[in-house]
Amino acid sequence: MNTSTTPIVKRLLVAATVASVAAAGALVALRPAGAASQRPAGAGASLQAPAARASAPPSSSASATGATRTTRTTRTTAARPTTSPGPAPGPANPGADGSVLRLQQRLASLGYDVGNPDGRLGQRTSASVMAFQKVEGLPRTGTAGANLTAALATAIPPRPLVPGGEATRVEVDLSRQVLLFWENGRLARILPVSTGSGSRYCVAGSCQSAVTPKGVFHVGRKVPGVDPGPLGPLYYPMYFSGGVAIHGAPSVPTAPASHGCVRIPMYAAASFFDQVPSGTAVYVV
């Protein structure tokens, strides 16, 4: 290179530098106000969240200035379900005061078949009350009342229908509709019964009157369980006069209603069957 041209080149470079600086200044002057604080989004750039951000106010909070802000809280209370009043308390359970137990014990002492006195008013106790009412000539309701209580206070065991009869025998009282069972000279059992209604009935073209025969008989054929018959099933029958038997029946009305047999309550059918041996005397009076 020719050294004589060096100063000229230097001056050209200086002039170019000055022009660049001036152009840059002009660009700065033309940039909008506040643009210098904006940074282009790019790698490493963080985006600021808007200054006014909606947030749910707490129910009570302390601000940076120490002031406490309290917001009202609306509480919704569910309506309480309405309930209708329950039924009024009923009377105490029958016999809860011991009256049924005393009734059973008193009936048992007189020979009525209440089973094991337990203070519970069931079918067996009601049937025994019925039998007592029949013997004493009271209304046959099967329920206790003032007249029953009064009669129990002075009652004595029924007298034998056949004084001097066998020590072990069955007595059927047609007028009072009860059965007395005497065992070894002791009155062991009193049961309510229903005997022949006296009505006329027909079976397979043969008609006759529903009558329980009177007289002295003896237990003959005994059938354990159910013995089917032309007039319906007989439960634990003990025949004492032809087809006439002492047997259990689901229905033992207060009055005569059978075809001639002696109906006894179902609860007594099996045990009475076992208690009365074949050959036992049966008195129907």
C-alpha atoms as a PDB file:
ATOM      1  CA  MET A   1       0.000   0.000   0.000  1.00  0.00           C
ATOM      2  CA  ASN A   2       1.105   3.645  -0.725  1.00  0.00           C
ATOM      3  CA  THR A   3       1.592   5.378   2.630  1.00  0.00           C
ATOM      4  CA  SER A   4       0.648   8.697   1.134  1.00  0.00           C
ATOM      5  CA  THR A   5      -2.980   7.651   0.949  1.00  0.00           C
ATOM      6  CA  THR A   6      -3.284   6.565   4.597  1.00  0.00           C
ATOM      7  CA  PRO A   7      -4.523   9.927   6.018  1.00  0.00           C
ATOM      8  CA  ILE A   8      -7.292  10.005   3.441  1.00  0.00           C
ATOM      9  CA  VAL A   9      -8.516   6.540   4.410  1.00  0.00           C
ATOM     10  CA  LYS A  10      -8.545   7.463   8.106  1.00  0.00           C
ATOM     11  CA  ARG A  11     -10.629  10.527   7.455  1.00  0.00           C
ATOM     12  CA  LEU A  12     -13.169   8.445   5.523  1.00  0.00           C
ATOM     13  CA  LEU A  13     -13.453   5.946   8.371  1.00  0.00           C
ATOM     14  CA  VAL A  14     -13.977   8.685  10.956  1.00  0.00           C
ATOM     15  CA  ALA A  15     -16.703  10.278   8.813  1.00  0.00           C
ATOM     16  CA  ALA A  16     -18.495   6.934   8.455  1.00  0.00           C
ATOM     17  CA  THR A  17     -18.388   6.353  12.198  1.00  0.00           C
ATOM     18  CA  VAL A  18     -19.849   9.775  12.927  1.00  0.00           C
ATOM     19  CA  ALA A  19     -22.711   9.146  10.482  1.00  0.00           C
ATOM     20  CA  SER A  20     -23.549   5.827  12.144  1.00  0.00           C
ATOM     21  CA  VAL A  21     -23.670   7.430  15.565  1.00  0.00           C
ATOM     22  CA  ALA A  22     -25.957  10.169  14.293  1.00  0.00           C
ATOM     23  CA  ALA A  23     -28.306   7.668  12.708  1.00  0.00           C
ATOM     24  CA  ALA A  24     -28.525   5.696  15.923  1.00  0.00           C
ATOM     25  CA  GLY A  25     -29.341   8.837  17.870  1.00  0.00           C
ATOM     26  CA  ALA A  26     -32.131   9.627  15.444  1.00  0.00           C
ATOM     27  CA  LEU A  27     -33.642   6.178  15.939  1.00  0.00           C
ATOM     28  CA  VAL A  28     -33.586   6.608  19.714  1.00  0.00           C
ATOM     29  CA  ALA A  29     -35.300   9.938  19.388  1.00  0.00           C
ATOM     30  CA  LEU A  30     -38.058   8.412  17.222  1.00  0.00           C
ATOM     31  CA  ARG A  31     -38.814   5.416  19.699  1.00  0.00           C
ATOM     32  CA  PRO A  32     -42.140   5.894  21.569  1.00  0.00           C
ATOM     33  CA  ALA A  33     -42.077   6.875  25.196  1.00  0.00           C
ATOM     34  CA  GLY A  34     -41.862   3.902  27.531  1.00  0.00           C
ATOM     35  CA  ALA A  35     -40.679   1.612  24.764  1.00  0.00           C
ATOM     36  CA  ALA A  36     -37.276   1.419  26.385  1.00  0.00           C
ATOM     37  CA  SER A  37     -38.807  -0.401  29.363  1.00  0.00           C
ATOM     38  CA  GLN A  38     -40.475  -3.015  27.157  1.00  0.00           C
ATOM     39  CA  ARG A  39     -38.560  -6.175  26.555  1.00  0.00           C
ATOM     40  CA  PRO A  40     -39.372  -8.367  23.632  1.00  0.00           C
ATOM     41  CA  ALA A  41     -40.765 -11.742  24.479  1.00  0.00           C
ATOM     42  CA  GLY A  42     -38.191 -14.354  23.938  1.00  0.00           C
ATOM     43  CA  ALA A  43     -36.075 -16.924  25.602  1.00  0.00           C
ATOM     44  CA  GLY A  44     -35.556 -16.064  29.279  1.00  0.00           C
ATOM     45  CA  ALA A  45     -38.174 -13.277  29.195  1.00  0.00           C
ATOM     46  CA  SER A  46     -40.648 -13.303  32.075  1.00  0.00           C
ATOM     47  CA  LEU A  47     -44.228 -12.130  31.598  1.00  0.00           C
ATOM     48  CA  GLN A  48     -45.582  -9.966  34.370  1.00  0.00           C
ATOM     49  CA  ALA A  49     -49.173 -10.678  35.516  1.00  0.00           C
ATOM     50  CA  PRO A  50     -51.612  -7.786  35.135  1.00  0.00           C
ATOM     51  CA  ALA A  51     -51.452  -5.408  38.054  1.00  0.00           C
ATOM     52  CA  ALA A  52     -55.185  -5.641  38.721  1.00  0.00           C
ATOM     53  CA  ARG A  53     -55.857  -9.363  39.252  1.00  0.00           C
ATOM     54  CA  ALA A  54     -59.299 -10.356  40.436  1.00  0.00           C
ATOM     55  CA  SER A  55     -59.234 -12.484  43.549  1.00  0.00           C
ATOM     56  CA  ALA A  56     -61.904 -13.717  45.918  1.00  0.00           C
ATOM     57  CA  PRO A  57     -61.778 -11.569  49.039  1.00  0.00           C
ATOM     58  CA  PRO A  58     -61.254 -13.479  52.232  1.00  0.00           C
ATOM     59  CA  SER A  59     -63.879 -13.248  54.940  1.00  0.00           C
ATOM     60  CA  SER A  60     -61.461 -11.239  57.052  1.00  0.00           C
ATOM     61  CA  SER A  61     -57.858 -10.250  56.184  1.00  0.00           C
ATOM     62  CA  ALA A  62     -55.233  -7.726  57.184  1.00  0.00           C
ATOM     63  CA  SER A  63     -53.770  -5.488  54.409  1.00  0.00           C
ATOM     64  CA  ALA A  64     -50.201  -4.272  54.184  1.00  0.00           C
ATOM     65  CA  THR A  65     -51.277  -1.037  55.874  1.00  0.00           C
ATOM     66  CA  GLY A  66     -52.686  -2.903  58.861  1.00  0.00           C
ATOM     67  CA  ALA A  67     -56.329  -2.159  58.067  1.00  0.00           C
ATOM     68  CA  THR A  68     -58.708  -5.095  58.548  1.00  0.00           C
ATOM     69  CA  ARG A  69     -61.258  -5.799  55.866  1.00  0.00           C
ATOM     70  CA  THR A  70     -64.315  -7.821  56.880  1.00  0.00           C
ATOM     71  CA  THR A  71     -66.811  -9.250  54.476  1.00  0.00           C
ATOM     72  CA  ARG A  72     -70.263 -10.483  55.390  1.00  0.00           C
ATOM     73  CA  THR A  73     -70.856 -14.177  55.075  1.00  0.00           C
ATOM     74  CA  THR A  74     -74.310 -15.290  54.081  1.00  0.00           C
ATOM     75  CA  ARG A  75     -75.138 -18.628  55.690  1.00  0.00           C
ATOM     76  CA  THR A  76     -77.891 -20.750  54.243  1.00  0.00           C
ATOM     77  CA  THR A  77     -79.577 -23.023  56.734  1.00  0.00           C
ATOM     78  CA  ALA A  78     -81.456 -26.006  55.404  1.00  0.00           C
ATOM     79  CA  ALA A  79     -85.029 -26.198  56.540  1.00  0.00           C
ATOM     80  CA  ARG A  80     -85.548 -28.784  59.222  1.00  0.00           C
ATOM     81  CA  PRO A  81     -87.824 -31.608  58.114  1.00  0.00           C
ATOM     82  CA  THR A  82     -91.162 -31.536  59.789  1.00  0.00           C
ATOM     83  CA  THR A  83     -92.278 -34.745  61.481  1.00  0.00           C
ATOM     84  CA  SER A  84     -95.741 -35.647  62.495  1.00  0.00           C
ATOM     85  CA  PRO A  85     -96.151 -36.633  66.107  1.00  0.00           C
ATOM     86  CA  GLY A  86     -96.029 -40.367  66.697  1.00  0.00           C
ATOM     87  CA  PRO A  87     -98.864 -42.361  68.148  1.00  0.00           C
ATOM     88  CA  ALA A  88     -99.698 -41.755  71.744  1.00  0.00           C
ATOM     89  CA  PRO A  89     -98.195 -44.315  74.099  1.00  0.00           C
ATOM     90  CA  GLY A  90    -100.530 -47.244  74.470  1.00  0.00           C
ATOM     91  CA  PRO A  91    -101.399 -49.029  77.657  1.00  0.00           C
ATOM     92  CA  ALA A  92     -98.844 -51.248  79.294  1.00  0.00           C
ATOM     93  CA  ASN A  93     -98.534 -54.782  77.988  1.00  0.00           C
ATOM     94  CA  PRO A  94    -101.268 -57.008  79.377  1.00  0.00           C
ATOM     95  CA  GLY A  95     -99.902 -58.788  82.373  1.00  0.00           C
ATOM     96  CA  ALA A  96     -96.936 -56.437  82.811  1.00  0.00           C
ATOM     97  CA  ASP A  97     -98.087 -55.855  86.382  1.00  0.00           C
ATOM     98  CA  GLY A  98     -98.126 -59.578  87.135  1.00  0.00           C
ATOM     99  CA  SER A  99    -101.907 -59.920  86.861  1.00  0.00           C
ATOM    100  CA  VAL A 100    -101.744 -62.595  84.140  1.00  0.00           C
ATOM    101  CA  LEU A 101     -99.281 -64.660  86.141  1.00  0.00           C
ATOM    102  CA  ARG A 102    -101.529 -64.481  89.206  1.00  0.00           C
ATOM    103  CA  LEU A 103    -104.509 -65.425  87.036  1.00  0.00           C
ATOM    104  CA  GLN A 104    -102.670 -68.445  85.662  1.00  0.00           C
ATOM    105  CA  GLN A 105    -101.514 -69.562  89.086  1.00  0.00           C
ATOM    106  CA  ARG A 106    -105.026 -69.297  90.489  1.00  0.00           C
ATOM    107  CA  LEU A 107    -106.568 -71.226  87.595  1.00  0.00           C
ATOM    108  CA  ALA A 108    -103.874 -73.911  87.863  1.00  0.00           C
ATOM    109  CA  SER A 109    -104.597 -74.338  91.574  1.00  0.00           C
ATOM    110  CA  LEU A 110    -108.207 -75.118  90.635  1.00  0.00           C
ATOM    111  CA  GLY A 111    -107.210 -77.744  88.051  1.00  0.00           C
ATOM    112  CA  TYR A 112    -107.490 -75.720  84.821  1.00  0.00           C
ATOM    113  CA  ASP A 113    -104.963 -76.488  82.102  1.00  0.00           C
ATOM    114  CA  VAL A 114    -102.866 -73.320  81.824  1.00  0.00           C
ATOM    115  CA  GLY A 115     -99.641 -75.227  81.310  1.00  0.00           C
ATOM    116  CA  ASN A 116     -96.609 -73.675  82.959  1.00  0.00           C
ATOM    117  CA  PRO A 117     -97.636 -70.253  84.331  1.00  0.00           C
ATOM    118  CA  ASP A 118     -95.433 -67.721  82.554  1.00  0.00           C
ATOM    119  CA  GLY A 119     -97.317 -64.416  82.778  1.00  0.00           C
ATOM    120  CA  ARG A 120     -98.154 -64.431  79.064  1.00  0.00           C
ATOM    121  CA  LEU A 121    -101.726 -64.192  77.885  1.00  0.00           C
ATOM    122  CA  GLY A 122    -101.989 -66.812  75.148  1.00  0.00           C
ATOM    123  CA  GLN A 123    -104.461 -69.291  73.697  1.00  0.00           C
ATOM    124  CA  ARG A 124    -104.017 -71.764  76.512  1.00  0.00           C
ATOM    125  CA  THR A 125    -104.755 -69.214  79.209  1.00  0.00           C
ATOM    126  CA  SER A 126    -107.773 -67.894  77.292  1.00  0.00           C
ATOM    127  CA  ALA A 127    -109.139 -71.425  76.892  1.00  0.00           C
ATOM    128  CA  SER A 128    -108.688 -72.025  80.615  1.00  0.00           C
ATOM    129  CA  VAL A 129    -110.534 -68.796  81.378  1.00  0.00           C
ATOM    130  CA  MET A 130    -113.304 -69.998  79.068  1.00  0.00           C
ATOM    131  CA  ALA A 131    -113.480 -73.332  80.895  1.00  0.00           C
ATOM    132  CA  PHE A 132    -113.667 -71.571  84.252  1.00  0.00           C
ATOM    133  CA  GLN A 133    -116.446 -69.321  82.983  1.00  0.00           C
ATOM    134  CA  LYS A 134    -118.386 -72.384  81.812  1.00  0.00           C
ATOM    135  CA  VAL A 135    -118.007 -74.141  85.160  1.00  0.00           C
ATOM    136  CA  GLU A 136    -118.998 -71.046  87.154  1.00  0.00           C
ATOM    137  CA  GLY A 137    -121.878 -70.049  84.881  1.00  0.00           C
ATOM    138  CA  LEU A 138    -120.256 -66.764  83.793  1.00  0.00           C
ATOM    139  CA  PRO A 139    -120.526 -65.181  80.331  1.00  0.00           C
ATOM    140  CA  ARG A 140    -118.312 -67.248  78.013  1.00  0.00           C
ATOM    141  CA  THR A 141    -115.947 -64.554  76.728  1.00  0.00           C
ATOM    142  CA  GLY A 142    -112.520 -66.080  77.328  1.00  0.00           C
ATOM    143  CA  THR A 143    -111.324 -62.757  78.730  1.00  0.00           C
ATOM    144  CA  ALA A 144    -110.769 -61.575  82.274  1.00  0.00           C
ATOM    145  CA  GLY A 145    -112.984 -58.984  83.877  1.00  0.00           C
ATOM    146  CA  ALA A 146    -114.299 -57.828  87.227  1.00  0.00           C
ATOM    147  CA  ASN A 147    -116.809 -60.679  87.492  1.00  0.00           C
ATOM    148  CA  LEU A 148    -114.074 -63.218  86.753  1.00  0.00           C
ATOM    149  CA  THR A 149    -111.789 -61.757  89.395  1.00  0.00           C
ATOM    150  CA  ALA A 150    -114.571 -61.873  91.966  1.00  0.00           C
ATOM    151  CA  ALA A 151    -115.445 -65.467  91.086  1.00  0.00           C
ATOM    152  CA  LEU A 152    -111.815 -66.602  91.270  1.00  0.00           C
ATOM    153  CA  ALA A 153    -111.519 -65.226  94.768  1.00  0.00           C
ATOM    154  CA  THR A 154    -114.080 -67.689  96.130  1.00  0.00           C
ATOM    155  CA  ALA A 155    -113.958 -70.532  93.593  1.00  0.00           C
ATOM    156  CA  ILE A 156    -113.265 -74.143  94.524  1.00  0.00           C
ATOM    157  CA  PRO A 157    -112.319 -77.044  92.202  1.00  0.00           C
ATOM    158  CA  PRO A 158    -115.281 -78.634  90.422  1.00  0.00           C
ATOM    159  CA  ARG A 159    -116.805 -81.610  92.181  1.00  0.00           C
ATOM    160  CA  PRO A 160    -116.733 -84.982  90.425  1.00  0.00           C
ATOM    161  CA  LEU A 161    -119.678 -85.733  88.153  1.00  0.00           C
ATOM    162  CA  VAL A 162    -119.492 -89.391  89.108  1.00  0.00           C
ATOM    163  CA  PRO A 163    -118.660 -89.690  92.815  1.00  0.00           C
ATOM    164  CA  GLY A 164    -117.047 -93.021  93.528  1.00  0.00           C
ATOM    165  CA  GLY A 165    -115.976 -93.508  89.917  1.00  0.00           C
ATOM    166  CA  GLU A 166    -112.682 -95.001  88.837  1.00  0.00           C
ATOM    167  CA  ALA A 167    -109.584 -93.295  90.180  1.00  0.00           C
ATOM    168  CA  THR A 168    -108.532 -92.532  86.592  1.00  0.00           C
ATOM    169  CA  ARG A 169    -111.420 -91.513  84.358  1.00  0.00           C
ATOM    170  CA  VAL A 170    -112.710 -88.924  81.910  1.00  0.00           C
ATOM    171  CA  GLU A 171    -115.900 -87.000  82.638  1.00  0.00           C
ATOM    172  CA  VAL A 172    -117.656 -85.018  79.911  1.00  0.00           C
ATOM    173  CA  ASP A 173    -120.171 -82.456  81.178  1.00  0.00           C
ATOM    174  CA  LEU A 174    -122.591 -81.800  78.316  1.00  0.00           C
ATOM    175  CA  SER A 175    -124.487 -79.003  80.051  1.00  0.00           C
ATOM    176  CA  ARG A 176    -121.404 -76.955  80.926  1.00  0.00           C
ATOM    177  CA  GLN A 177    -119.329 -78.088  77.928  1.00  0.00           C
ATOM    178  CA  VAL A 178    -116.198 -79.013  79.886  1.00  0.00           C
ATOM    179  CA  LEU A 179    -114.098 -82.145  80.332  1.00  0.00           C
ATOM    180  CA  LEU A 180    -112.720 -83.246  83.707  1.00  0.00           C
ATOM    181  CA  PHE A 181    -109.838 -85.700  83.796  1.00  0.00           C
ATOM    182  CA  TRP A 182    -109.272 -87.502  87.049  1.00  0.00           C
ATOM    183  CA  GLU A 183    -105.924 -89.240  87.498  1.00  0.00           C
ATOM    184  CA  ASN A 184    -105.332 -91.516  90.496  1.00  0.00           C
ATOM    185  CA  GLY A 185    -108.179 -89.864  92.351  1.00  0.00           C
ATOM    186  CA  ARG A 186    -106.939 -86.318  91.728  1.00  0.00           C
ATOM    187  CA  LEU A 187    -108.466 -83.722  89.403  1.00  0.00           C
ATOM    188  CA  ALA A 188    -105.587 -83.400  86.936  1.00  0.00           C
ATOM    189  CA  ARG A 189    -107.040 -81.420  84.047  1.00  0.00           C
ATOM    190  CA  ILE A 190    -110.040 -79.302  83.044  1.00  0.00           C
ATOM    191  CA  LEU A 191    -110.559 -78.538  79.364  1.00  0.00           C
ATOM    192  CA  PRO A 192    -113.234 -76.657  77.427  1.00  0.00           C
ATOM    193  CA  VAL A 193    -115.034 -78.832  74.891  1.00  0.00           C
ATOM    194  CA  SER A 194    -117.634 -78.641  72.163  1.00  0.00           C
ATOM    195  CA  THR A 195    -119.920 -81.653  71.718  1.00  0.00           C
ATOM    196  CA  GLY A 196    -122.731 -82.649  69.332  1.00  0.00           C
ATOM    197  CA  SER A 197    -124.813 -79.737  68.103  1.00  0.00           C
ATOM    198  CA  GLY A 198    -128.019 -81.759  67.830  1.00  0.00           C
ATOM    199  CA  SER A 199    -128.425 -80.736  64.197  1.00  0.00           C
ATOM    200  CA  ARG A 200    -129.215 -83.202  61.444  1.00  0.00           C
ATOM    201  CA  TYR A 201    -126.506 -83.869  58.866  1.00  0.00           C
ATOM    202  CA  CYS A 202    -126.017 -86.180  55.909  1.00  0.00           C
ATOM    203  CA  VAL A 203    -122.901 -87.893  54.571  1.00  0.00           C
ATOM    204  CA  ALA A 204    -122.897 -90.016  51.414  1.00  0.00           C
ATOM    205  CA  GLY A 205    -126.668 -90.310  51.486  1.00  0.00           C
ATOM    206  CA  SER A 206    -126.806 -91.315  55.150  1.00  0.00           C
ATOM    207  CA  CYS A 207    -128.413 -88.813  57.531  1.00  0.00           C
ATOM    208  CA  GLN A 208    -128.366 -88.656  61.302  1.00  0.00           C
ATOM    209  CA  SER A 209    -128.404 -86.234  64.212  1.00  0.00           C
ATOM    210  CA  ALA A 210    -125.208 -84.697  65.624  1.00  0.00           C
ATOM    211  CA  VAL A 211    -125.534 -86.061  69.132  1.00  0.00           C
ATOM    212  CA  THR A 212    -122.894 -87.046  71.662  1.00  0.00           C
ATOM    213  CA  PRO A 213    -124.221 -90.188  73.336  1.00  0.00           C
ATOM    214  CA  LYS A 214    -124.618 -90.214  77.100  1.00  0.00           C
ATOM    215  CA  GLY A 215    -123.450 -93.107  79.192  1.00  0.00           C
ATOM    216  CA  VAL A 216    -120.387 -94.964  80.393  1.00  0.00           C
ATOM    217  CA  PHE A 217    -117.790 -95.893  77.781  1.00  0.00           C
ATOM    218  CA  HIS A 218    -114.137 -96.806  77.572  1.00  0.00           C
ATOM    219  CA  VAL A 219    -111.338 -95.515  75.396  1.00  0.00           C
ATOM    220  CA  GLY A 220    -110.781 -97.985  72.588  1.00  0.00           C
ATOM    221  CA  ARG A 221    -108.847 -97.301  69.407  1.00  0.00           C
ATOM    222  CA  LYS A 222    -106.330 -94.463  69.548  1.00  0.00           C
ATOM    223  CA  VAL A 223    -104.814 -92.944  66.424  1.00  0.00           C
ATOM    224  CA  PRO A 224    -101.657 -90.845  66.862  1.00  0.00           C
ATOM    225  CA  GLY A 225    -101.496 -87.769  64.662  1.00  0.00           C
ATOM    226  CA  VAL A 226    -104.225 -87.201  62.085  1.00  0.00           C
ATOM    227  CA  ASP A 227    -106.997 -89.657  61.274  1.00  0.00           C
ATOM    228  CA  PRO A 228    -108.794 -88.660  58.053  1.00  0.00           C
ATOM    229  CA  GLY A 229    -112.530 -89.186  58.085  1.00  0.00           C
ATOM    230  CA  PRO A 230    -115.652 -88.533  56.008  1.00  0.00           C
ATOM    231  CA  LEU A 231    -116.408 -85.412  58.039  1.00  0.00           C
ATOM    232  CA  GLY A 232    -112.853 -84.096  58.104  1.00  0.00           C
ATOM    233  CA  PRO A 233    -109.564 -84.888  59.831  1.00  0.00           C
ATOM    234  CA  LEU A 234    -109.484 -85.790  63.500  1.00  0.00           C
ATOM    235  CA  TYR A 235    -106.348 -84.910  65.482  1.00  0.00           C
ATOM    236  CA  TYR A 236    -105.120 -87.531  67.965  1.00  0.00           C
ATOM    237  CA  PRO A 237    -108.552 -89.164  68.250  1.00  0.00           C
ATOM    238  CA  MET A 238    -109.471 -91.542  71.066  1.00  0.00           C
ATOM    239  CA  TYR A 239    -112.606 -93.427  70.051  1.00  0.00           C
ATOM    240  CA  PHE A 240    -114.973 -94.446  72.830  1.00  0.00           C
ATOM    241  CA  SER A 241    -118.306 -95.133  71.062  1.00  0.00           C
ATOM    242  CA  GLY A 242    -118.195 -96.289  67.457  1.00  0.00           C
ATOM    243  CA  GLY A 243    -117.018 -93.311  65.383  1.00  0.00           C
ATOM    244  CA  VAL A 244    -117.384 -90.887  68.286  1.00  0.00           C
ATOM    245  CA  ALA A 245    -114.053 -89.752  69.717  1.00  0.00           C
ATOM    246  CA  ILE A 246    -112.338 -87.233  71.906  1.00  0.00           C
ATOM    247  CA  HIS A 247    -110.016 -85.351  69.542  1.00  0.00           C
ATOM    248  CA  GLY A 248    -108.240 -82.072  68.919  1.00  0.00           C
ATOM    249  CA  ALA A 249    -109.928 -79.514  66.691  1.00  0.00           C
ATOM    250  CA  PRO A 250    -108.900 -76.077  65.395  1.00  0.00           C
ATOM    251  CA  SER A 251    -112.317 -74.743  66.391  1.00  0.00           C
ATOM    252  CA  VAL A 252    -113.796 -75.289  69.848  1.00  0.00           C
ATOM    253  CA  PRO A 253    -116.792 -72.962  70.114  1.00  0.00           C
ATOM    254  CA  THR A 254    -118.392 -72.023  73.418  1.00  0.00           C
ATOM    255  CA  ALA A 255    -121.510 -74.050  72.563  1.00  0.00           C
ATOM    256  CA  PRO A 256    -122.145 -77.538  71.116  1.00  0.00           C
ATOM    257  CA  ALA A 257    -121.095 -77.536  67.438  1.00  0.00           C
ATOM    258  CA  SER A 258    -119.649 -80.944  66.521  1.00  0.00           C
ATOM    259  CA  HIS A 259    -121.150 -83.895  64.671  1.00  0.00           C
ATOM    260  CA  GLY A 260    -121.096 -85.874  67.928  1.00  0.00           C
ATOM    261  CA  CYS A 261    -117.401 -86.021  68.860  1.00  0.00           C
ATOM    262  CA  VAL A 262    -115.914 -84.290  71.871  1.00  0.00           C
ATOM    263  CA  ARG A 263    -113.672 -81.515  70.560  1.00  0.00           C
ATOM    264  CA  ILE A 264    -110.779 -80.298  72.683  1.00  0.00           C
ATOM    265  CA  PRO A 265    -108.288 -77.473  71.933  1.00  0.00           C
ATOM    266  CA  MET A 266    -105.421 -78.315  69.592  1.00  0.00           C
ATOM    267  CA  TYR A 267    -102.735 -77.417  72.150  1.00  0.00           C
ATOM    268  CA  ALA A 268    -104.056 -80.225  74.390  1.00  0.00           C
ATOM    269  CA  ALA A 269    -104.618 -82.904  71.740  1.00  0.00           C
ATOM    270  CA  ALA A 270    -101.221 -84.632  71.758  1.00  0.00           C
ATOM    271  CA  SER A 271    -100.510 -84.393  75.486  1.00  0.00           C
ATOM    272  CA  PHE A 272    -104.006 -85.570  76.450  1.00  0.00           C
ATOM    273  CA  PHE A 273    -103.651 -88.449  73.991  1.00  0.00           C
ATOM    274  CA  ASP A 274    -100.476 -89.545  75.821  1.00  0.00           C
ATOM    275  CA  GLN A 275    -102.004 -88.971  79.245  1.00  0.00           C
ATOM    276  CA  VAL A 276    -105.111 -91.140  78.779  1.00  0.00           C
ATOM    277  CA  PRO A 277    -104.414 -94.849  78.283  1.00  0.00           C
ATOM    278  CA  SER A 278    -106.637 -97.187  76.304  1.00  0.00           C
ATOM    279  CA  GLY A 279    -109.367 -98.723  78.478  1.00  0.00           C
ATOM    280  CA  THR A 280    -109.868 -95.540  80.508  1.00  0.00           C
ATOM    281  CA  ALA A 281    -113.493 -95.032  81.537  1.00  0.00           C
ATOM    282  CA  VAL A 282    -115.355 -92.179  79.838  1.00  0.00           C
ATOM    283  CA  TYR A 283    -118.479 -90.794  81.477  1.00  0.00           C
ATOM    284  CA  VAL A 284    -120.690 -88.591  79.365  1.00  0.00           C
ATOM    285  CA  VAL A 285    -123.326 -86.905  81.529  1.00  0.00           C
END
